[in-house]
Amino acid sequence: MRVANDVTVNVTGIQPDPTATLNVTLGGGWNLLGCPRVSSVALADVQVQTGDLDPETWAQAVTDHLVQRWAVWLQPERGYASQATLQPWQGYWIRVLVPNGVTLVFPASTTTAAVSR
C-alpha cells in the first residue's frame, strides 16, 4: 500500500507466544513473509524443515538448496536489497527452491518489545 502522507493503522489480533518457537509454512517458489516477531530475527537463527525431517540451520538449508541465501525486500526509492535479518513490520520475499515447500522454524524471542507501531 502506498500513501501520500503518514497514516495511523490499527492492527488487531493475537500476538504469537514469544516464549515458544513459531512455525511458518512456505510453498515452493517466491513467498511474501512478514517478520512474525516484534523484535528482529536473524535468518541464521531460523531453522528450515522439509517434511518429517529434523529442522536444519538456515546455512545448511542454503547448502542443501532448500532456500535462497537472503531474504529480499524493497527499499523505498532504492530498489530491492538482500537482507540477513528480518525486521518487525517489514515484508520480505523468501525463495523456496524445493517444489513441496518448507517450514521455517522461528526461535522463541529472547527480548521483549512494544507491539504498537
PDB file of N, CA and C in Angstrom:
ATOM      1  N   MET A   1       0.852  -1.145   0.000  1.00  0.00           N
ATOM      2  CA  MET A   1       0.000   0.000   0.000  1.00  0.00           C
ATOM      3  C   MET A   1       0.914   1.228   0.000  1.00  0.00           C
ATOM      4  N   ARG A   2       0.615   2.169  -0.868  1.00  0.00           N
ATOM      5  CA  ARG A   2       1.377   3.421  -0.928  1.00  0.00           C
ATOM      6  C   ARG A   2       0.417   4.563  -0.597  1.00  0.00           C
ATOM      7  N   VAL A   3       0.841   5.401   0.332  1.00  0.00           N
ATOM      8  CA  VAL A   3       0.026   6.552   0.712  1.00  0.00           C
ATOM      9  C   VAL A   3       0.876   7.807   0.610  1.00  0.00           C
ATOM     10  N   ALA A   4       0.237   8.930   0.330  1.00  0.00           N
ATOM     11  CA  ALA A   4       0.959  10.188   0.140  1.00  0.00           C
ATOM     12  C   ALA A   4       1.442  10.790   1.460  1.00  0.00           C
ATOM     13  N   ASN A   5       0.731  10.520   2.552  1.00  0.00           N
ATOM     14  CA  ASN A   5       1.075  11.091   3.855  1.00  0.00           C
ATOM     15  C   ASN A   5       1.069   9.998   4.903  1.00  0.00           C
ATOM     16  N   ASP A   6       1.674  10.286   6.051  1.00  0.00           N
ATOM     17  CA  ASP A   6       1.646   9.341   7.154  1.00  0.00           C
ATOM     18  C   ASP A   6       0.204   9.083   7.579  1.00  0.00           C
ATOM     19  N   VAL A   7      -0.089   7.843   7.890  1.00  0.00           N
ATOM     20  CA  VAL A   7      -1.407   7.466   8.367  1.00  0.00           C
ATOM     21  C   VAL A   7      -1.240   6.586   9.597  1.00  0.00           C
ATOM     22  N   THR A   8      -2.272   6.505  10.399  1.00  0.00           N
ATOM     23  CA  THR A   8      -2.291   5.617  11.545  1.00  0.00           C
ATOM     24  C   THR A   8      -3.105   4.382  11.176  1.00  0.00           C
ATOM     25  N   VAL A   9      -2.518   3.220  11.411  1.00  0.00           N
ATOM     26  CA  VAL A   9      -3.201   1.964  11.126  1.00  0.00           C
ATOM     27  C   VAL A   9      -3.320   1.196  12.430  1.00  0.00           C
ATOM     28  N   ASN A  10      -4.521   0.795  12.774  1.00  0.00           N
ATOM     29  CA  ASN A  10      -4.750  -0.009  13.963  1.00  0.00           C
ATOM     30  C   ASN A  10      -4.812  -1.477  13.564  1.00  0.00           C
ATOM     31  N   VAL A  11      -3.985  -2.286  14.193  1.00  0.00           N
ATOM     32  CA  VAL A  11      -3.942  -3.713  13.906  1.00  0.00           C
ATOM     33  C   VAL A  11      -4.463  -4.455  15.127  1.00  0.00           C
ATOM     34  N   THR A  12      -5.420  -5.333  14.898  1.00  0.00           N
ATOM     35  CA  THR A  12      -5.995  -6.106  15.983  1.00  0.00           C
ATOM     36  C   THR A  12      -5.697  -7.576  15.750  1.00  0.00           C
ATOM     37  N   GLY A  13      -5.313  -8.272  16.791  1.00  0.00           N
ATOM     38  CA  GLY A  13      -5.046  -9.692  16.654  1.00  0.00           C
ATOM     39  C   GLY A  13      -4.418 -10.239  17.918  1.00  0.00           C
ATOM     40  N   ILE A  14      -3.979 -11.456  17.818  1.00  0.00           N
ATOM     41  CA  ILE A  14      -3.339 -12.118  18.949  1.00  0.00           C
ATOM     42  C   ILE A  14      -1.877 -12.339  18.606  1.00  0.00           C
ATOM     43  N   GLN A  15      -1.005 -11.814  19.449  1.00  0.00           N
ATOM     44  CA  GLN A  15       0.426 -11.981  19.237  1.00  0.00           C
ATOM     45  C   GLN A  15       0.812 -13.422  19.549  1.00  0.00           C
ATOM     46  N   PRO A  16       1.629 -14.057  18.677  1.00  0.00           N
ATOM     47  CA  PRO A  16       2.100 -15.412  18.986  1.00  0.00           C
ATOM     48  C   PRO A  16       2.879 -15.429  20.302  1.00  0.00           C
ATOM     49  N   ASP A  17       2.836 -16.529  20.993  1.00  0.00           N
ATOM     50  CA  ASP A  17       3.548 -16.689  22.259  1.00  0.00           C
ATOM     51  C   ASP A  17       5.047 -16.476  22.023  1.00  0.00           C
ATOM     52  N   PRO A  18       5.643 -15.433  22.589  1.00  0.00           N
ATOM     53  CA  PRO A  18       7.059 -15.158  22.339  1.00  0.00           C
ATOM     54  C   PRO A  18       8.002 -16.172  22.991  1.00  0.00           C
ATOM     55  N   THR A  19       7.492 -16.998  23.913  1.00  0.00           N
ATOM     56  CA  THR A  19       8.360 -17.969  24.582  1.00  0.00           C
ATOM     57  C   THR A  19       8.385 -19.315  23.864  1.00  0.00           C
ATOM     58  N   ALA A  20       7.639 -19.434  22.777  1.00  0.00           N
ATOM     59  CA  ALA A  20       7.568 -20.694  22.034  1.00  0.00           C
ATOM     60  C   ALA A  20       8.116 -20.503  20.619  1.00  0.00           C
ATOM     61  N   THR A  21       8.626 -21.572  20.036  1.00  0.00           N
ATOM     62  CA  THR A  21       9.016 -21.498  18.638  1.00  0.00           C
ATOM     63  C   THR A  21       7.765 -21.290  17.796  1.00  0.00           C
ATOM     64  N   LEU A  22       7.957 -20.756  16.605  1.00  0.00           N
ATOM     65  CA  LEU A  22       6.838 -20.438  15.729  1.00  0.00           C
ATOM     66  C   LEU A  22       7.121 -21.015  14.348  1.00  0.00           C
ATOM     67  N   ASN A  23       6.215 -21.848  13.837  1.00  0.00           N
ATOM     68  CA  ASN A  23       6.388 -22.471  12.522  1.00  0.00           C
ATOM     69  C   ASN A  23       5.583 -21.722  11.470  1.00  0.00           C
ATOM     70  N   VAL A  24       6.239 -21.451  10.332  1.00  0.00           N
ATOM     71  CA  VAL A  24       5.591 -20.792   9.203  1.00  0.00           C
ATOM     72  C   VAL A  24       5.845 -21.642   7.967  1.00  0.00           C
ATOM     73  N   THR A  25       4.774 -22.122   7.337  1.00  0.00           N
ATOM     74  CA  THR A  25       4.892 -22.975   6.159  1.00  0.00           C
ATOM     75  C   THR A  25       4.931 -22.116   4.902  1.00  0.00           C
ATOM     76  N   LEU A  26       5.897 -22.407   4.027  1.00  0.00           N
ATOM     77  CA  LEU A  26       6.041 -21.700   2.757  1.00  0.00           C
ATOM     78  C   LEU A  26       5.987 -22.701   1.613  1.00  0.00           C
ATOM     79  N   GLY A  27       5.359 -22.313   0.518  1.00  0.00           N
ATOM     80  CA  GLY A  27       5.303 -23.151  -0.667  1.00  0.00           C
ATOM     81  C   GLY A  27       6.566 -22.992  -1.507  1.00  0.00           C
ATOM     82  N   GLY A  28       6.714 -23.842  -2.521  1.00  0.00           N
ATOM     83  CA  GLY A  28       7.839 -23.720  -3.428  1.00  0.00           C
ATOM     84  C   GLY A  28       7.749 -22.422  -4.221  1.00  0.00           C
ATOM     85  N   GLY A  29       8.890 -21.806  -4.517  1.00  0.00           N
ATOM     86  CA  GLY A  29       8.928 -20.547  -5.255  1.00  0.00           C
ATOM     87  C   GLY A  29       9.036 -19.354  -4.320  1.00  0.00           C
ATOM     88  N   TRP A  30       8.622 -18.198  -4.823  1.00  0.00           N
ATOM     89  CA  TRP A  30       8.709 -16.956  -4.047  1.00  0.00           C
ATOM     90  C   TRP A  30       7.528 -16.834  -3.087  1.00  0.00           C
ATOM     91  N   ASN A  31       7.814 -16.446  -1.832  1.00  0.00           N
ATOM     92  CA  ASN A  31       6.803 -16.261  -0.792  1.00  0.00           C
ATOM     93  C   ASN A  31       7.003 -14.895  -0.162  1.00  0.00           C
ATOM     94  N   LEU A  32       5.915 -14.179   0.072  1.00  0.00           N
ATOM     95  CA  LEU A  32       5.980 -12.903   0.769  1.00  0.00           C
ATOM     96  C   LEU A  32       5.729 -13.164   2.249  1.00  0.00           C
ATOM     97  N   LEU A  33       6.658 -12.726   3.092  1.00  0.00           N
ATOM     98  CA  LEU A  33       6.622 -13.045   4.515  1.00  0.00           C
ATOM     99  C   LEU A  33       6.895 -11.793   5.335  1.00  0.00           C
ATOM    100  N   GLY A  34       6.114 -11.587   6.369  1.00  0.00           N
ATOM    101  CA  GLY A  34       6.398 -10.550   7.344  1.00  0.00           C
ATOM    102  C   GLY A  34       7.102 -11.175   8.529  1.00  0.00           C
ATOM    103  N   CYS A  35       7.943 -10.421   9.196  1.00  0.00           N
ATOM    104  CA  CYS A  35       8.620 -10.934  10.385  1.00  0.00           C
ATOM    105  C   CYS A  35       7.547 -11.288  11.425  1.00  0.00           C
ATOM    106  N   PRO A  36       7.514 -12.540  11.900  1.00  0.00           N
ATOM    107  CA  PRO A  36       6.446 -12.945  12.813  1.00  0.00           C
ATOM    108  C   PRO A  36       6.701 -12.576  14.277  1.00  0.00           C
ATOM    109  N   ARG A  37       7.751 -11.861  14.543  1.00  0.00           N
ATOM    110  CA  ARG A  37       8.085 -11.454  15.911  1.00  0.00           C
ATOM    111  C   ARG A  37       8.061  -9.933  16.024  1.00  0.00           C
ATOM    112  N   VAL A  38       7.992  -9.418  17.248  1.00  0.00           N
ATOM    113  CA  VAL A  38       8.006  -7.972  17.473  1.00  0.00           C
ATOM    114  C   VAL A  38       9.431  -7.454  17.662  1.00  0.00           C
ATOM    115  N   SER A  39      10.413  -8.326  17.545  1.00  0.00           N
ATOM    116  CA  SER A  39      11.819  -7.927  17.541  1.00  0.00           C
ATOM    117  C   SER A  39      12.462  -8.588  16.323  1.00  0.00           C
ATOM    118  N   SER A  40      13.612  -8.079  15.918  1.00  0.00           N
ATOM    119  CA  SER A  40      14.255  -8.590  14.714  1.00  0.00           C
ATOM    120  C   SER A  40      14.684 -10.049  14.891  1.00  0.00           C
ATOM    121  N   VAL A  41      14.755 -10.769  13.766  1.00  0.00           N
ATOM    122  CA  VAL A  41      15.153 -12.178  13.760  1.00  0.00           C
ATOM    123  C   VAL A  41      16.184 -12.372  12.650  1.00  0.00           C
ATOM    124  N   ALA A  42      17.377 -12.815  13.006  1.00  0.00           N
ATOM    125  CA  ALA A  42      18.400 -13.115  12.013  1.00  0.00           C
ATOM    126  C   ALA A  42      18.052 -14.419  11.309  1.00  0.00           C
ATOM    127  N   LEU A  43      18.234 -14.463   9.988  1.00  0.00           N
ATOM    128  CA  LEU A  43      17.986 -15.705   9.271  1.00  0.00           C
ATOM    129  C   LEU A  43      18.865 -16.826   9.811  1.00  0.00           C
ATOM    130  N   ALA A  44      20.044 -16.492  10.310  1.00  0.00           N
ATOM    131  CA  ALA A  44      20.938 -17.507  10.887  1.00  0.00           C
ATOM    132  C   ALA A  44      20.300 -18.208  12.084  1.00  0.00           C
ATOM    133  N   ASP A  45      19.303 -17.567  12.718  1.00  0.00           N
ATOM    134  CA  ASP A  45      18.622 -18.156  13.874  1.00  0.00           C
ATOM    135  C   ASP A  45      17.366 -18.933  13.493  1.00  0.00           C
ATOM    136  N   VAL A  46      16.980 -18.873  12.217  1.00  0.00           N
ATOM    137  CA  VAL A  46      15.787 -19.571  11.738  1.00  0.00           C
ATOM    138  C   VAL A  46      16.209 -20.951  11.238  1.00  0.00           C
ATOM    139  N   GLN A  47      15.431 -21.958  11.601  1.00  0.00           N
ATOM    140  CA  GLN A  47      15.682 -23.303  11.092  1.00  0.00           C
ATOM    141  C   GLN A  47      14.709 -23.596   9.954  1.00  0.00           C
ATOM    142  N   VAL A  48      15.093 -24.542   9.102  1.00  0.00           N
ATOM    143  CA  VAL A  48      14.291 -24.907   7.942  1.00  0.00           C
ATOM    144  C   VAL A  48      14.005 -26.402   8.012  1.00  0.00           C
ATOM    145  N   GLN A  49      12.738 -26.757   7.833  1.00  0.00           N
ATOM    146  CA  GLN A  49      12.337 -28.162   7.908  1.00  0.00           C
ATOM    147  C   GLN A  49      11.611 -28.554   6.623  1.00  0.00           C
ATOM    148  N   THR A  50      11.925 -29.741   6.107  1.00  0.00           N
ATOM    149  CA  THR A  50      11.196 -30.290   4.966  1.00  0.00           C
ATOM    150  C   THR A  50      10.532 -31.592   5.410  1.00  0.00           C
ATOM    151  N   GLY A  51       9.241 -31.696   5.153  1.00  0.00           N
ATOM    152  CA  GLY A  51       8.507 -32.915   5.509  1.00  0.00           C
ATOM    153  C   GLY A  51       8.654 -33.269   6.974  1.00  0.00           C
ATOM    154  N   ASP A  52       8.940 -34.554   7.241  1.00  0.00           N
ATOM    155  CA  ASP A  52       9.082 -35.043   8.613  1.00  0.00           C
ATOM    156  C   ASP A  52      10.532 -35.059   9.081  1.00  0.00           C
ATOM    157  N   LEU A  53      11.441 -34.500   8.288  1.00  0.00           N
ATOM    158  CA  LEU A  53      12.855 -34.483   8.667  1.00  0.00           C
ATOM    159  C   LEU A  53      13.088 -33.489   9.801  1.00  0.00           C
ATOM    160  N   ASP A  54      14.183 -33.663  10.514  1.00  0.00           N
ATOM    161  CA  ASP A  54      14.542 -32.718  11.574  1.00  0.00           C
ATOM    162  C   ASP A  54      14.877 -31.360  10.956  1.00  0.00           C
ATOM    163  N   PRO A  55      14.562 -30.269  11.651  1.00  0.00           N
ATOM    164  CA  PRO A  55      14.937 -28.946  11.147  1.00  0.00           C
ATOM    165  C   PRO A  55      16.452 -28.819  11.052  1.00  0.00           C
ATOM    166  N   GLU A  56      16.900 -28.015  10.088  1.00  0.00           N
ATOM    167  CA  GLU A  56      18.328 -27.747   9.932  1.00  0.00           C
ATOM    168  C   GLU A  56      18.550 -26.241   9.941  1.00  0.00           C
ATOM    169  N   THR A  57      19.791 -25.842  10.118  1.00  0.00           N
ATOM    170  CA  THR A  57      20.096 -24.418  10.165  1.00  0.00           C
ATOM    171  C   THR A  57      19.817 -23.769   8.811  1.00  0.00           C
ATOM    172  N   TRP A  58      19.653 -22.456   8.817  1.00  0.00           N
ATOM    173  CA  TRP A  58      19.448 -21.723   7.567  1.00  0.00           C
ATOM    174  C   TRP A  58      20.637 -21.951   6.637  1.00  0.00           C
ATOM    175  N   ALA A  59      21.855 -21.870   7.183  1.00  0.00           N
ATOM    176  CA  ALA A  59      23.059 -22.065   6.363  1.00  0.00           C
ATOM    177  C   ALA A  59      23.068 -23.442   5.702  1.00  0.00           C
ATOM    178  N   GLN A  60      22.689 -24.480   6.444  1.00  0.00           N
ATOM    179  CA  GLN A  60      22.654 -25.822   5.874  1.00  0.00           C
ATOM    180  C   GLN A  60      21.559 -25.935   4.820  1.00  0.00           C
ATOM    181  N   ALA A  61      20.421 -25.283   5.053  1.00  0.00           N
ATOM    182  CA  ALA A  61      19.325 -25.302   4.080  1.00  0.00           C
ATOM    183  C   ALA A  61      19.736 -24.611   2.779  1.00  0.00           C
ATOM    184  N   VAL A  62      20.566 -23.575   2.875  1.00  0.00           N
ATOM    185  CA  VAL A  62      21.102 -22.921   1.672  1.00  0.00           C
ATOM    186  C   VAL A  62      22.028 -23.890   0.950  1.00  0.00           C
ATOM    187  N   THR A  63      22.917 -24.535   1.694  1.00  0.00           N
ATOM    188  CA  THR A  63      23.843 -25.516   1.108  1.00  0.00           C
ATOM    189  C   THR A  63      23.084 -26.666   0.456  1.00  0.00           C
ATOM    190  N   ASP A  64      21.976 -27.086   1.071  1.00  0.00           N
ATOM    191  CA  ASP A  64      21.163 -28.190   0.553  1.00  0.00           C
ATOM    192  C   ASP A  64      20.184 -27.745  -0.543  1.00  0.00           C
ATOM    193  N   HIS A  65      20.248 -26.485  -0.935  1.00  0.00           N
ATOM    194  CA  HIS A  65      19.400 -25.919  -1.993  1.00  0.00           C
ATOM    195  C   HIS A  65      17.914 -26.006  -1.656  1.00  0.00           C
ATOM    196  N   LEU A  66      17.599 -25.737  -0.391  1.00  0.00           N
ATOM    197  CA  LEU A  66      16.198 -25.683   0.032  1.00  0.00           C
ATOM    198  C   LEU A  66      15.651 -24.263  -0.078  1.00  0.00           C
ATOM    199  N   VAL A  67      16.491 -23.290   0.269  1.00  0.00           N
ATOM    200  CA  VAL A  67      16.096 -21.878   0.248  1.00  0.00           C
ATOM    201  C   VAL A  67      17.229 -21.042  -0.346  1.00  0.00           C
ATOM    202  N   GLN A  68      16.850 -19.869  -0.841  1.00  0.00           N
ATOM    203  CA  GLN A  68      17.845 -18.900  -1.299  1.00  0.00           C
ATOM    204  C   GLN A  68      18.517 -18.283  -0.083  1.00  0.00           C
ATOM    205  N   ARG A  69      19.768 -17.876  -0.225  1.00  0.00           N
ATOM    206  CA  ARG A  69      20.571 -17.391   0.897  1.00  0.00           C
ATOM    207  C   ARG A  69      19.951 -16.206   1.635  1.00  0.00           C
ATOM    208  N   TRP A  70      19.407 -15.232   0.914  1.00  0.00           N
ATOM    209  CA  TRP A  70      18.941 -13.990   1.530  1.00  0.00           C
ATOM    210  C   TRP A  70      17.434 -13.828   1.406  1.00  0.00           C
ATOM    211  N   ALA A  71      16.889 -13.055   2.302  1.00  0.00           N
ATOM    212  CA  ALA A  71      15.539 -12.529   2.112  1.00  0.00           C
ATOM    213  C   ALA A  71      15.704 -11.263   1.271  1.00  0.00           C
ATOM    214  N   VAL A  72      14.700 -10.918   0.504  1.00  0.00           N
ATOM    215  CA  VAL A  72      14.765  -9.741  -0.359  1.00  0.00           C
ATOM    216  C   VAL A  72      13.649  -8.794   0.049  1.00  0.00           C
ATOM    217  N   TRP A  73      13.970  -7.503   0.152  1.00  0.00           N
ATOM    218  CA  TRP A  73      12.943  -6.522   0.482  1.00  0.00           C
ATOM    219  C   TRP A  73      13.132  -5.296  -0.389  1.00  0.00           C
ATOM    220  N   LEU A  74      12.085  -4.533  -0.540  1.00  0.00           N
ATOM    221  CA  LEU A  74      12.100  -3.338  -1.376  1.00  0.00           C
ATOM    222  C   LEU A  74      12.417  -2.124  -0.525  1.00  0.00           C
ATOM    223  N   GLN A  75      13.575  -1.523  -0.780  1.00  0.00           N
ATOM    224  CA  GLN A  75      13.945  -0.292  -0.085  1.00  0.00           C
ATOM    225  C   GLN A  75      13.289   0.874  -0.821  1.00  0.00           C
ATOM    226  N   PRO A  76      12.506   1.668  -0.124  1.00  0.00           N
ATOM    227  CA  PRO A  76      11.855   2.792  -0.799  1.00  0.00           C
ATOM    228  C   PRO A  76      12.873   3.654  -1.543  1.00  0.00           C
ATOM    229  N   GLU A  77      12.570   3.938  -2.778  1.00  0.00           N
ATOM    230  CA  GLU A  77      13.370   4.803  -3.641  1.00  0.00           C
ATOM    231  C   GLU A  77      14.759   4.269  -3.958  1.00  0.00           C
ATOM    232  N   ARG A  78      15.092   3.033  -3.569  1.00  0.00           N
ATOM    233  CA  ARG A  78      16.420   2.480  -3.859  1.00  0.00           C
ATOM    234  C   ARG A  78      16.340   1.142  -4.588  1.00  0.00           C
ATOM    235  N   GLY A  79      15.211   0.464  -4.513  1.00  0.00           N
ATOM    236  CA  GLY A  79      15.077  -0.823  -5.176  1.00  0.00           C
ATOM    237  C   GLY A  79      15.219  -1.987  -4.216  1.00  0.00           C
ATOM    238  N   TYR A  80      15.332  -3.179  -4.785  1.00  0.00           N
ATOM    239  CA  TYR A  80      15.400  -4.398  -3.987  1.00  0.00           C
ATOM    240  C   TYR A  80      16.788  -4.589  -3.390  1.00  0.00           C
ATOM    241  N   ALA A  81      16.825  -5.140  -2.179  1.00  0.00           N
ATOM    242  CA  ALA A  81      18.085  -5.381  -1.481  1.00  0.00           C
ATOM    243  C   ALA A  81      17.994  -6.697  -0.714  1.00  0.00           C
ATOM    244  N   SER A  82      19.141  -7.337  -0.533  1.00  0.00           N
ATOM    245  CA  SER A  82      19.216  -8.578   0.243  1.00  0.00           C
ATOM    246  C   SER A  82      19.285  -8.248   1.721  1.00  0.00           C
ATOM    247  N   GLN A  83      18.666  -9.093   2.528  1.00  0.00           N
ATOM    248  CA  GLN A  83      18.655  -8.908   3.971  1.00  0.00           C
ATOM    249  C   GLN A  83      18.993 -10.217   4.659  1.00  0.00           C
ATOM    250  N   ALA A  84      19.784 -10.140   5.716  1.00  0.00           N
ATOM    251  CA  ALA A  84      20.102 -11.315   6.523  1.00  0.00           C
ATOM    252  C   ALA A  84      19.334 -11.305   7.838  1.00  0.00           C
ATOM    253  N   THR A  85      18.630 -10.200   8.122  1.00  0.00           N
ATOM    254  CA  THR A  85      17.845 -10.072   9.350  1.00  0.00           C
ATOM    255  C   THR A  85      16.460  -9.551   9.006  1.00  0.00           C
ATOM    256  N   LEU A  86      15.434 -10.198   9.546  1.00  0.00           N
ATOM    257  CA  LEU A  86      14.053  -9.765   9.346  1.00  0.00           C
ATOM    258  C   LEU A  86      13.677  -8.779  10.451  1.00  0.00           C
ATOM    259  N   GLN A  87      13.133  -7.652  10.048  1.00  0.00           N
ATOM    260  CA  GLN A  87      12.730  -6.615  10.994  1.00  0.00           C
ATOM    261  C   GLN A  87      11.205  -6.626  11.150  1.00  0.00           C
ATOM    262  N   PRO A  88      10.706  -6.342  12.355  1.00  0.00           N
ATOM    263  CA  PRO A  88       9.248  -6.275  12.550  1.00  0.00           C
ATOM    264  C   PRO A  88       8.633  -5.220  11.627  1.00  0.00           C
ATOM    265  N   TRP A  89       7.427  -5.485  11.199  1.00  0.00           N
ATOM    266  CA  TRP A  89       6.629  -4.567  10.380  1.00  0.00           C
ATOM    267  C   TRP A  89       7.190  -4.376   8.966  1.00  0.00           C
ATOM    268  N   GLN A  90       8.070  -5.268   8.543  1.00  0.00           N
ATOM    269  CA  GLN A  90       8.597  -5.229   7.178  1.00  0.00           C
ATOM    270  C   GLN A  90       8.207  -6.510   6.458  1.00  0.00           C
ATOM    271  N   GLY A  91       8.060  -6.438   5.147  1.00  0.00           N
ATOM    272  CA  GLY A  91       7.747  -7.609   4.339  1.00  0.00           C
ATOM    273  C   GLY A  91       8.967  -8.018   3.529  1.00  0.00           C
ATOM    274  N   TYR A  92       9.143  -9.312   3.350  1.00  0.00           N
ATOM    275  CA  TYR A  92      10.314  -9.851   2.654  1.00  0.00           C
ATOM    276  C   TYR A  92       9.886 -10.944   1.681  1.00  0.00           C
ATOM    277  N   TRP A  93      10.613 -11.052   0.587  1.00  0.00           N
ATOM    278  CA  TRP A  93      10.445 -12.163  -0.329  1.00  0.00           C
ATOM    279  C   TRP A  93      11.448 -13.237   0.058  1.00  0.00           C
ATOM    280  N   ILE A  94      10.953 -14.443   0.245  1.00  0.00           N
ATOM    281  CA  ILE A  94      11.783 -15.610   0.551  1.00  0.00           C
ATOM    282  C   ILE A  94      11.581 -16.600  -0.591  1.00  0.00           C
ATOM    283  N   ARG A  95      12.681 -17.070  -1.174  1.00  0.00           N
ATOM    284  CA  ARG A  95      12.564 -18.032  -2.272  1.00  0.00           C
ATOM    285  C   ARG A  95      12.861 -19.441  -1.777  1.00  0.00           C
ATOM    286  N   VAL A  96      11.859 -20.303  -1.912  1.00  0.00           N
ATOM    287  CA  VAL A  96      11.996 -21.713  -1.555  1.00  0.00           C
ATOM    288  C   VAL A  96      12.325 -22.466  -2.841  1.00  0.00           C
ATOM    289  N   LEU A  97      13.401 -23.251  -2.797  1.00  0.00           N
ATOM    290  CA  LEU A  97      13.922 -23.887  -4.004  1.00  0.00           C
ATOM    291  C   LEU A  97      13.421 -25.310  -4.223  1.00  0.00           C
ATOM    292  N   VAL A  98      12.584 -25.818  -3.326  1.00  0.00           N
ATOM    293  CA  VAL A  98      12.032 -27.168  -3.486  1.00  0.00           C
ATOM    294  C   VAL A  98      10.523 -27.050  -3.725  1.00  0.00           C
ATOM    295  N   PRO A  99       9.993 -27.844  -4.656  1.00  0.00           N
ATOM    296  CA  PRO A  99       8.588 -27.674  -5.043  1.00  0.00           C
ATOM    297  C   PRO A  99       7.576 -27.957  -3.935  1.00  0.00           C
ATOM    298  N   ASN A 100       7.899 -28.835  -2.990  1.00  0.00           N
ATOM    299  CA  ASN A 100       6.952 -29.164  -1.917  1.00  0.00           C
ATOM    300  C   ASN A 100       6.976 -28.176  -0.770  1.00  0.00           C
ATOM    301  N   GLY A 101       7.864 -27.184  -0.830  1.00  0.00           N
ATOM    302  CA  GLY A 101       7.913 -26.164   0.201  1.00  0.00           C
ATOM    303  C   GLY A 101       8.680 -26.583   1.436  1.00  0.00           C
ATOM    304  N   VAL A 102       8.729 -25.681   2.396  1.00  0.00           N
ATOM    305  CA  VAL A 102       9.442 -25.902   3.653  1.00  0.00           C
ATOM    306  C   VAL A 102       8.652 -25.263   4.790  1.00  0.00           C
ATOM    307  N   THR A 103       9.053 -25.581   5.996  1.00  0.00           N
ATOM    308  CA  THR A 103       8.542 -24.901   7.182  1.00  0.00           C
ATOM    309  C   THR A 103       9.695 -24.162   7.825  1.00  0.00           C
ATOM    310  N   LEU A 104       9.511 -22.859   8.037  1.00  0.00           N
ATOM    311  CA  LEU A 104      10.504 -22.078   8.762  1.00  0.00           C
ATOM    312  C   LEU A 104      10.176 -22.166  10.246  1.00  0.00           C
ATOM    313  N   VAL A 105      11.185 -22.436  11.060  1.00  0.00           N
ATOM    314  CA  VAL A 105      11.008 -22.554  12.499  1.00  0.00           C
ATOM    315  C   VAL A 105      11.706 -21.361  13.138  1.00  0.00           C
ATOM    316  N   PHE A 106      10.908 -20.405  13.611  1.00  0.00           N
ATOM    317  CA  PHE A 106      11.444 -19.210  14.252  1.00  0.00           C
ATOM    318  C   PHE A 106      11.673 -19.496  15.731  1.00  0.00           C
ATOM    319  N   PRO A 107      12.811 -19.068  16.273  1.00  0.00           N
ATOM    320  CA  PRO A 107      13.102 -19.347  17.676  1.00  0.00           C
ATOM    321  C   PRO A 107      12.218 -18.524  18.608  1.00  0.00           C
ATOM    322  N   ALA A 108      12.145 -18.964  19.837  1.00  0.00           N
ATOM    323  CA  ALA A 108      11.473 -18.164  20.858  1.00  0.00           C
ATOM    324  C   ALA A 108      12.206 -16.839  20.984  1.00  0.00           C
ATOM    325  N   SER A 109      11.479 -15.790  21.275  1.00  0.00           N
ATOM    326  CA  SER A 109      12.100 -14.474  21.434  1.00  0.00           C
ATOM    327  C   SER A 109      12.920 -14.425  22.709  1.00  0.00           C
ATOM    328  N   THR A 110      14.064 -13.773  22.608  1.00  0.00           N
ATOM    329  CA  THR A 110      14.903 -13.603  23.793  1.00  0.00           C
ATOM    330  C   THR A 110      14.753 -12.214  24.376  1.00  0.00           C
ATOM    331  N   THR A 111      14.060 -11.341  23.646  1.00  0.00           N
ATOM    332  CA  THR A 111      13.822  -9.982  24.135  1.00  0.00           C
ATOM    333  C   THR A 111      12.345  -9.678  23.989  1.00  0.00           C
ATOM    334  N   THR A 112      11.903  -8.669  24.694  1.00  0.00           N
ATOM    335  CA  THR A 112      10.533  -8.212  24.547  1.00  0.00           C
ATOM    336  C   THR A 112      10.568  -6.843  23.936  1.00  0.00           C
ATOM    337  N   ALA A 113       9.534  -6.499  23.216  1.00  0.00           N
ATOM    338  CA  ALA A 113       9.437  -5.203  22.577  1.00  0.00           C
ATOM    339  C   ALA A 113       7.991  -4.753  22.590  1.00  0.00           C
ATOM    340  N   ALA A 114       7.784  -3.471  22.446  1.00  0.00           N
ATOM    341  CA  ALA A 114       6.439  -2.949  22.382  1.00  0.00           C
ATOM    342  C   ALA A 114       5.778  -3.426  21.090  1.00  0.00           C
ATOM    343  N   VAL A 115       4.497  -3.701  21.156  1.00  0.00           N
ATOM    344  CA  VAL A 115       3.788  -4.215  19.990  1.00  0.00           C
ATOM    345  C   VAL A 115       3.260  -3.091  19.131  1.00  0.00           C
ATOM    346  N   SER A 116       3.000  -1.923  19.682  1.00  0.00           N
ATOM    347  CA  SER A 116       2.424  -0.850  18.881  1.00  0.00           C
ATOM    348  C   SER A 116       3.454  -0.314  17.894  1.00  0.00           C
ATOM    349  N   ARG A 117       2.944   0.171  16.795  1.00  0.00           N
ATOM    350  CA  ARG A 117       3.810   0.721  15.747  1.00  0.00           C
ATOM    351  C   ARG A 117       3.209   1.986  15.263  1.00  0.00           C
TER     352      ARG A 117
END
